[in-house]
Amino acid sequence: MIYELRIYRCLPGRLPALIKRFEDATLRIWDRHGIEQAGFWTTVVGDSNNDLTYMIRWASMADREARWGAFVTDPEWIAARDASETDGPILANVSSQFLKPTAFSRPL
């Protein structure tokens, strides 16, 4: 099992649009592709309150490549992404890290 930690830094004022996109479309499309989220967080205190941080649970890197590749090319996802940006771009930056739990880690 590996976890992907993703941090989306939104352009000022655009975090609500990103959250709405996840709530209205992204999570449903993920379900169809078997993508399993481990949690979502917004920043209360830290570098930026324009961040959405989340983790995805993957069986392996090969599993990630197959499922994520199918998701990003899904026509419904592309349409939802484009529709959410009719008022302008949402994201300023995206960072991603892949994490392997230690032997003493409690599962999320």
N, C-alpha and C. Protein backbone atom coordinates (compact mmCIF):
# COMPACT_ATOMS: atom_id res chain seq x y z
N MET A 1 0.84 -1.18 0.00
CA MET A 1 0.00 0.00 0.00
C MET A 1 0.89 1.24 0.00
N ILE A 2 0.54 2.20 -0.85
CA ILE A 2 1.20 3.50 -0.83
C ILE A 2 0.13 4.58 -0.77
N TYR A 3 0.53 5.74 -0.32
CA TYR A 3 -0.36 6.89 -0.24
C TYR A 3 0.22 8.01 -1.09
N GLU A 4 -0.65 8.68 -1.81
CA GLU A 4 -0.24 9.85 -2.57
C GLU A 4 -0.75 11.07 -1.83
N LEU A 5 0.17 11.94 -1.44
CA LEU A 5 -0.16 13.20 -0.80
C LEU A 5 -0.15 14.27 -1.88
N ARG A 6 -1.29 14.92 -2.06
CA ARG A 6 -1.41 15.96 -3.08
C ARG A 6 -1.83 17.27 -2.40
N ILE A 7 -1.16 18.34 -2.79
CA ILE A 7 -1.49 19.66 -2.28
C ILE A 7 -1.81 20.56 -3.46
N TYR A 8 -3.03 21.07 -3.47
CA TYR A 8 -3.47 21.98 -4.52
C TYR A 8 -3.48 23.39 -3.93
N ARG A 9 -2.64 24.25 -4.46
CA ARG A 9 -2.67 25.66 -4.07
C ARG A 9 -3.53 26.39 -5.07
N CYS A 10 -4.61 26.97 -4.57
CA CYS A 10 -5.56 27.67 -5.43
C CYS A 10 -5.15 29.13 -5.62
N LEU A 11 -5.59 29.68 -6.71
CA LEU A 11 -5.47 31.11 -6.91
C LEU A 11 -6.36 31.80 -5.88
N PRO A 12 -6.04 33.02 -5.46
CA PRO A 12 -6.84 33.69 -4.43
C PRO A 12 -8.34 33.69 -4.76
N GLY A 13 -9.13 33.28 -3.78
CA GLY A 13 -10.58 33.28 -3.93
C GLY A 13 -11.16 32.08 -4.67
N ARG A 14 -10.32 31.15 -5.12
CA ARG A 14 -10.80 30.04 -5.95
C ARG A 14 -10.94 28.72 -5.21
N LEU A 15 -10.55 28.65 -3.93
CA LEU A 15 -10.70 27.40 -3.17
C LEU A 15 -12.14 26.91 -3.13
N PRO A 16 -13.14 27.77 -2.94
CA PRO A 16 -14.53 27.26 -2.96
C PRO A 16 -14.89 26.57 -4.28
N ALA A 17 -14.39 27.05 -5.40
CA ALA A 17 -14.68 26.41 -6.69
C ALA A 17 -14.05 25.03 -6.77
N LEU A 18 -12.83 24.88 -6.22
CA LEU A 18 -12.18 23.57 -6.21
C LEU A 18 -12.94 22.59 -5.33
N ILE A 19 -13.34 23.04 -4.15
CA ILE A 19 -14.10 22.17 -3.24
C ILE A 19 -15.42 21.75 -3.88
N LYS A 20 -16.09 22.68 -4.52
CA LYS A 20 -17.35 22.36 -5.21
C LYS A 20 -17.13 21.32 -6.30
N ARG A 21 -16.03 21.44 -7.04
CA ARG A 21 -15.73 20.47 -8.10
C ARG A 21 -15.54 19.07 -7.51
N PHE A 22 -14.83 18.96 -6.40
CA PHE A 22 -14.67 17.65 -5.76
C PHE A 22 -16.02 17.12 -5.30
N GLU A 23 -16.81 17.96 -4.64
CA GLU A 23 -18.10 17.51 -4.11
C GLU A 23 -19.08 17.12 -5.20
N ASP A 24 -19.13 17.89 -6.28
CA ASP A 24 -20.14 17.69 -7.32
C ASP A 24 -19.76 16.68 -8.39
N ALA A 25 -18.46 16.50 -8.64
CA ALA A 25 -18.07 15.66 -9.78
C ALA A 25 -16.90 14.72 -9.49
N THR A 26 -15.81 15.25 -9.02
CA THR A 26 -14.56 14.48 -8.95
C THR A 26 -14.71 13.19 -8.16
N LEU A 27 -15.28 13.26 -6.96
CA LEU A 27 -15.35 12.07 -6.11
C LEU A 27 -16.23 10.98 -6.73
N ARG A 28 -17.29 11.38 -7.40
CA ARG A 28 -18.16 10.40 -8.08
C ARG A 28 -17.39 9.71 -9.22
N ILE A 29 -16.62 10.48 -9.96
CA ILE A 29 -15.84 9.91 -11.06
C ILE A 29 -14.73 9.02 -10.50
N TRP A 30 -14.10 9.44 -9.41
CA TRP A 30 -13.11 8.59 -8.75
C TRP A 30 -13.72 7.25 -8.36
N ASP A 31 -14.91 7.27 -7.80
CA ASP A 31 -15.58 6.03 -7.40
C ASP A 31 -15.70 5.08 -8.59
N ARG A 32 -16.07 5.62 -9.72
CA ARG A 32 -16.23 4.80 -10.91
C ARG A 32 -14.90 4.17 -11.35
N HIS A 33 -13.80 4.87 -11.08
CA HIS A 33 -12.47 4.36 -11.47
C HIS A 33 -11.78 3.61 -10.34
N GLY A 34 -12.45 3.45 -9.20
CA GLY A 34 -11.86 2.72 -8.08
C GLY A 34 -10.77 3.48 -7.36
N ILE A 35 -10.81 4.81 -7.41
CA ILE A 35 -9.82 5.63 -6.71
C ILE A 35 -10.35 5.90 -5.31
N GLU A 36 -9.53 5.53 -4.31
CA GLU A 36 -9.96 5.58 -2.91
C GLU A 36 -9.24 6.70 -2.16
N GLN A 37 -10.01 7.70 -1.74
CA GLN A 37 -9.42 8.80 -0.97
C GLN A 37 -9.23 8.39 0.48
N ALA A 38 -8.16 8.91 1.10
CA ALA A 38 -7.88 8.65 2.50
C ALA A 38 -8.16 9.87 3.37
N GLY A 39 -8.54 10.98 2.76
CA GLY A 39 -8.89 12.18 3.52
C GLY A 39 -8.58 13.45 2.77
N PHE A 40 -9.31 14.51 3.14
CA PHE A 40 -9.14 15.85 2.58
C PHE A 40 -9.03 16.84 3.73
N TRP A 41 -8.18 17.86 3.55
CA TRP A 41 -7.99 18.87 4.57
C TRP A 41 -7.82 20.23 3.94
N THR A 42 -8.31 21.26 4.61
CA THR A 42 -7.97 22.63 4.27
C THR A 42 -7.03 23.15 5.35
N THR A 43 -6.28 24.18 5.04
CA THR A 43 -5.29 24.71 5.96
C THR A 43 -5.91 25.76 6.87
N VAL A 44 -5.81 25.54 8.18
CA VAL A 44 -6.29 26.50 9.17
C VAL A 44 -5.15 27.45 9.53
N VAL A 45 -3.98 26.89 9.83
CA VAL A 45 -2.79 27.67 10.13
C VAL A 45 -1.65 27.07 9.32
N GLY A 46 -0.95 27.89 8.57
CA GLY A 46 0.15 27.39 7.75
C GLY A 46 0.53 28.40 6.68
N ASP A 47 1.24 27.90 5.68
CA ASP A 47 1.75 28.78 4.63
C ASP A 47 0.65 29.47 3.84
N SER A 48 -0.45 28.77 3.56
CA SER A 48 -1.48 29.34 2.71
C SER A 48 -2.85 28.78 3.07
N ASN A 49 -3.83 29.65 3.22
CA ASN A 49 -5.19 29.17 3.44
C ASN A 49 -5.91 28.97 2.10
N ASN A 50 -5.15 28.98 1.01
CA ASN A 50 -5.68 28.67 -0.32
C ASN A 50 -5.39 27.24 -0.73
N ASP A 51 -4.98 26.40 0.23
CA ASP A 51 -4.57 25.03 -0.08
C ASP A 51 -5.68 24.02 0.23
N LEU A 52 -5.77 23.02 -0.64
CA LEU A 52 -6.54 21.81 -0.36
C LEU A 52 -5.53 20.67 -0.38
N THR A 53 -5.42 19.96 0.72
CA THR A 53 -4.49 18.85 0.85
C THR A 53 -5.30 17.57 0.95
N TYR A 54 -4.89 16.54 0.21
CA TYR A 54 -5.60 15.26 0.32
C TYR A 54 -4.67 14.11 0.06
N MET A 55 -5.14 12.92 0.45
CA MET A 55 -4.37 11.70 0.24
C MET A 55 -5.24 10.68 -0.48
N ILE A 56 -4.59 9.92 -1.35
CA ILE A 56 -5.24 8.82 -2.05
C ILE A 56 -4.48 7.55 -1.70
N ARG A 57 -5.22 6.47 -1.47
CA ARG A 57 -4.65 5.17 -1.13
C ARG A 57 -4.55 4.35 -2.42
N TRP A 58 -3.35 3.80 -2.70
CA TRP A 58 -3.12 2.97 -3.89
C TRP A 58 -2.54 1.62 -3.47
N ALA A 59 -2.88 0.58 -4.20
CA ALA A 59 -2.30 -0.75 -3.94
C ALA A 59 -0.83 -0.78 -4.33
N SER A 60 -0.46 -0.05 -5.39
CA SER A 60 0.92 -0.02 -5.90
C SER A 60 1.04 1.14 -6.87
N MET A 61 2.25 1.43 -7.31
CA MET A 61 2.44 2.47 -8.32
C MET A 61 1.79 2.07 -9.64
N ALA A 62 1.81 0.78 -9.97
CA ALA A 62 1.16 0.32 -11.20
C ALA A 62 -0.35 0.55 -11.12
N ASP A 63 -0.93 0.28 -9.95
CA ASP A 63 -2.35 0.54 -9.73
C ASP A 63 -2.64 2.02 -9.91
N ARG A 64 -1.79 2.87 -9.37
CA ARG A 64 -1.96 4.31 -9.49
C ARG A 64 -1.93 4.73 -10.95
N GLU A 65 -0.93 4.26 -11.67
CA GLU A 65 -0.78 4.66 -13.07
C GLU A 65 -2.01 4.26 -13.90
N ALA A 66 -2.52 3.07 -13.68
CA ALA A 66 -3.68 2.60 -14.44
C ALA A 66 -4.93 3.40 -14.09
N ARG A 67 -5.22 3.54 -12.81
CA ARG A 67 -6.46 4.21 -12.39
C ARG A 67 -6.41 5.72 -12.65
N TRP A 68 -5.29 6.36 -12.31
CA TRP A 68 -5.17 7.80 -12.52
C TRP A 68 -5.18 8.13 -14.01
N GLY A 69 -4.50 7.30 -14.80
CA GLY A 69 -4.50 7.51 -16.25
C GLY A 69 -5.89 7.44 -16.84
N ALA A 70 -6.69 6.49 -16.37
CA ALA A 70 -8.07 6.38 -16.85
C ALA A 70 -8.91 7.57 -16.40
N PHE A 71 -8.67 8.04 -15.18
CA PHE A 71 -9.41 9.18 -14.65
C PHE A 71 -9.13 10.45 -15.45
N VAL A 72 -7.85 10.79 -15.64
CA VAL A 72 -7.53 12.07 -16.28
C VAL A 72 -7.93 12.13 -17.75
N THR A 73 -8.21 10.98 -18.35
CA THR A 73 -8.66 10.97 -19.75
C THR A 73 -10.17 10.73 -19.87
N ASP A 74 -10.85 10.59 -18.74
CA ASP A 74 -12.29 10.35 -18.72
C ASP A 74 -13.01 11.59 -19.26
N PRO A 75 -13.84 11.45 -20.29
CA PRO A 75 -14.54 12.61 -20.86
C PRO A 75 -15.41 13.35 -19.84
N GLU A 76 -16.02 12.63 -18.90
CA GLU A 76 -16.84 13.31 -17.88
C GLU A 76 -15.97 14.18 -16.99
N TRP A 77 -14.77 13.68 -16.62
CA TRP A 77 -13.85 14.48 -15.81
C TRP A 77 -13.40 15.72 -16.58
N ILE A 78 -13.02 15.55 -17.82
CA ILE A 78 -12.55 16.69 -18.63
C ILE A 78 -13.65 17.75 -18.73
N ALA A 79 -14.89 17.33 -18.94
CA ALA A 79 -16.00 18.27 -19.03
C ALA A 79 -16.23 18.98 -17.69
N ALA A 80 -16.16 18.24 -16.58
CA ALA A 80 -16.35 18.83 -15.25
C ALA A 80 -15.24 19.82 -14.93
N ARG A 81 -14.02 19.45 -15.25
CA ARG A 81 -12.88 20.35 -15.01
C ARG A 81 -13.04 21.64 -15.80
N ASP A 82 -13.36 21.49 -17.09
CA ASP A 82 -13.50 22.67 -17.94
C ASP A 82 -14.66 23.55 -17.47
N ALA A 83 -15.77 22.94 -17.08
CA ALA A 83 -16.93 23.71 -16.61
C ALA A 83 -16.61 24.47 -15.33
N SER A 84 -15.80 23.87 -14.46
CA SER A 84 -15.46 24.52 -13.19
C SER A 84 -14.53 25.72 -13.38
N GLU A 85 -13.94 25.82 -14.56
CA GLU A 85 -13.00 26.91 -14.82
C GLU A 85 -13.55 27.95 -15.79
N THR A 86 -14.86 27.98 -15.98
CA THR A 86 -15.43 28.98 -16.88
C THR A 86 -15.20 30.40 -16.36
N ASP A 87 -15.06 30.56 -15.02
CA ASP A 87 -14.77 31.87 -14.43
C ASP A 87 -13.27 32.12 -14.31
N GLY A 88 -12.47 31.24 -14.86
CA GLY A 88 -11.01 31.38 -14.81
C GLY A 88 -10.37 30.18 -14.14
N PRO A 89 -9.05 30.10 -14.25
CA PRO A 89 -8.32 28.97 -13.65
C PRO A 89 -8.52 28.92 -12.14
N ILE A 90 -8.41 27.72 -11.60
CA ILE A 90 -8.57 27.50 -10.15
C ILE A 90 -7.21 27.33 -9.48
N LEU A 91 -6.32 26.56 -10.09
CA LEU A 91 -5.08 26.15 -9.44
C LEU A 91 -3.89 27.00 -9.84
N ALA A 92 -3.09 27.35 -8.83
CA ALA A 92 -1.82 28.02 -9.06
C ALA A 92 -0.69 27.00 -9.13
N ASN A 93 -0.82 25.91 -8.34
CA ASN A 93 0.25 24.91 -8.26
C ASN A 93 -0.31 23.61 -7.69
N VAL A 94 0.27 22.50 -8.14
CA VAL A 94 -0.07 21.18 -7.61
C VAL A 94 1.23 20.48 -7.25
N SER A 95 1.29 19.94 -6.03
CA SER A 95 2.45 19.13 -5.66
C SER A 95 1.96 17.74 -5.27
N SER A 96 2.82 16.75 -5.49
CA SER A 96 2.46 15.37 -5.22
C SER A 96 3.66 14.62 -4.68
N GLN A 97 3.41 13.79 -3.65
CA GLN A 97 4.44 12.92 -3.08
C GLN A 97 3.83 11.54 -2.87
N PHE A 98 4.65 10.51 -2.99
CA PHE A 98 4.20 9.15 -2.74
C PHE A 98 4.85 8.66 -1.46
N LEU A 99 4.02 8.18 -0.54
CA LEU A 99 4.47 7.82 0.79
C LEU A 99 4.20 6.35 1.07
N LYS A 100 5.16 5.70 1.71
CA LYS A 100 5.02 4.30 2.11
C LYS A 100 4.92 4.25 3.62
N PRO A 101 3.88 3.62 4.18
CA PRO A 101 3.75 3.56 5.64
C PRO A 101 4.91 2.79 6.28
N THR A 102 5.30 3.22 7.45
CA THR A 102 6.30 2.48 8.23
C THR A 102 5.64 1.26 8.86
N ALA A 103 6.44 0.36 9.39
CA ALA A 103 5.93 -0.84 10.03
C ALA A 103 5.07 -0.51 11.24
N PHE A 104 5.30 0.61 11.88
CA PHE A 104 4.57 0.98 13.10
C PHE A 104 3.44 1.98 12.84
N SER A 105 3.15 2.24 11.59
CA SER A 105 2.09 3.18 11.23
C SER A 105 0.71 2.54 11.40
N ARG A 106 -0.22 3.33 11.90
CA ARG A 106 -1.62 2.88 11.98
C ARG A 106 -2.30 3.20 10.67
N PRO A 107 -3.10 2.29 10.15
CA PRO A 107 -3.77 2.57 8.88
C PRO A 107 -4.76 3.72 9.00
N LEU A 108 -4.86 4.49 7.92
CA LEU A 108 -5.83 5.59 7.88
C LEU A 108 -7.22 5.05 7.68
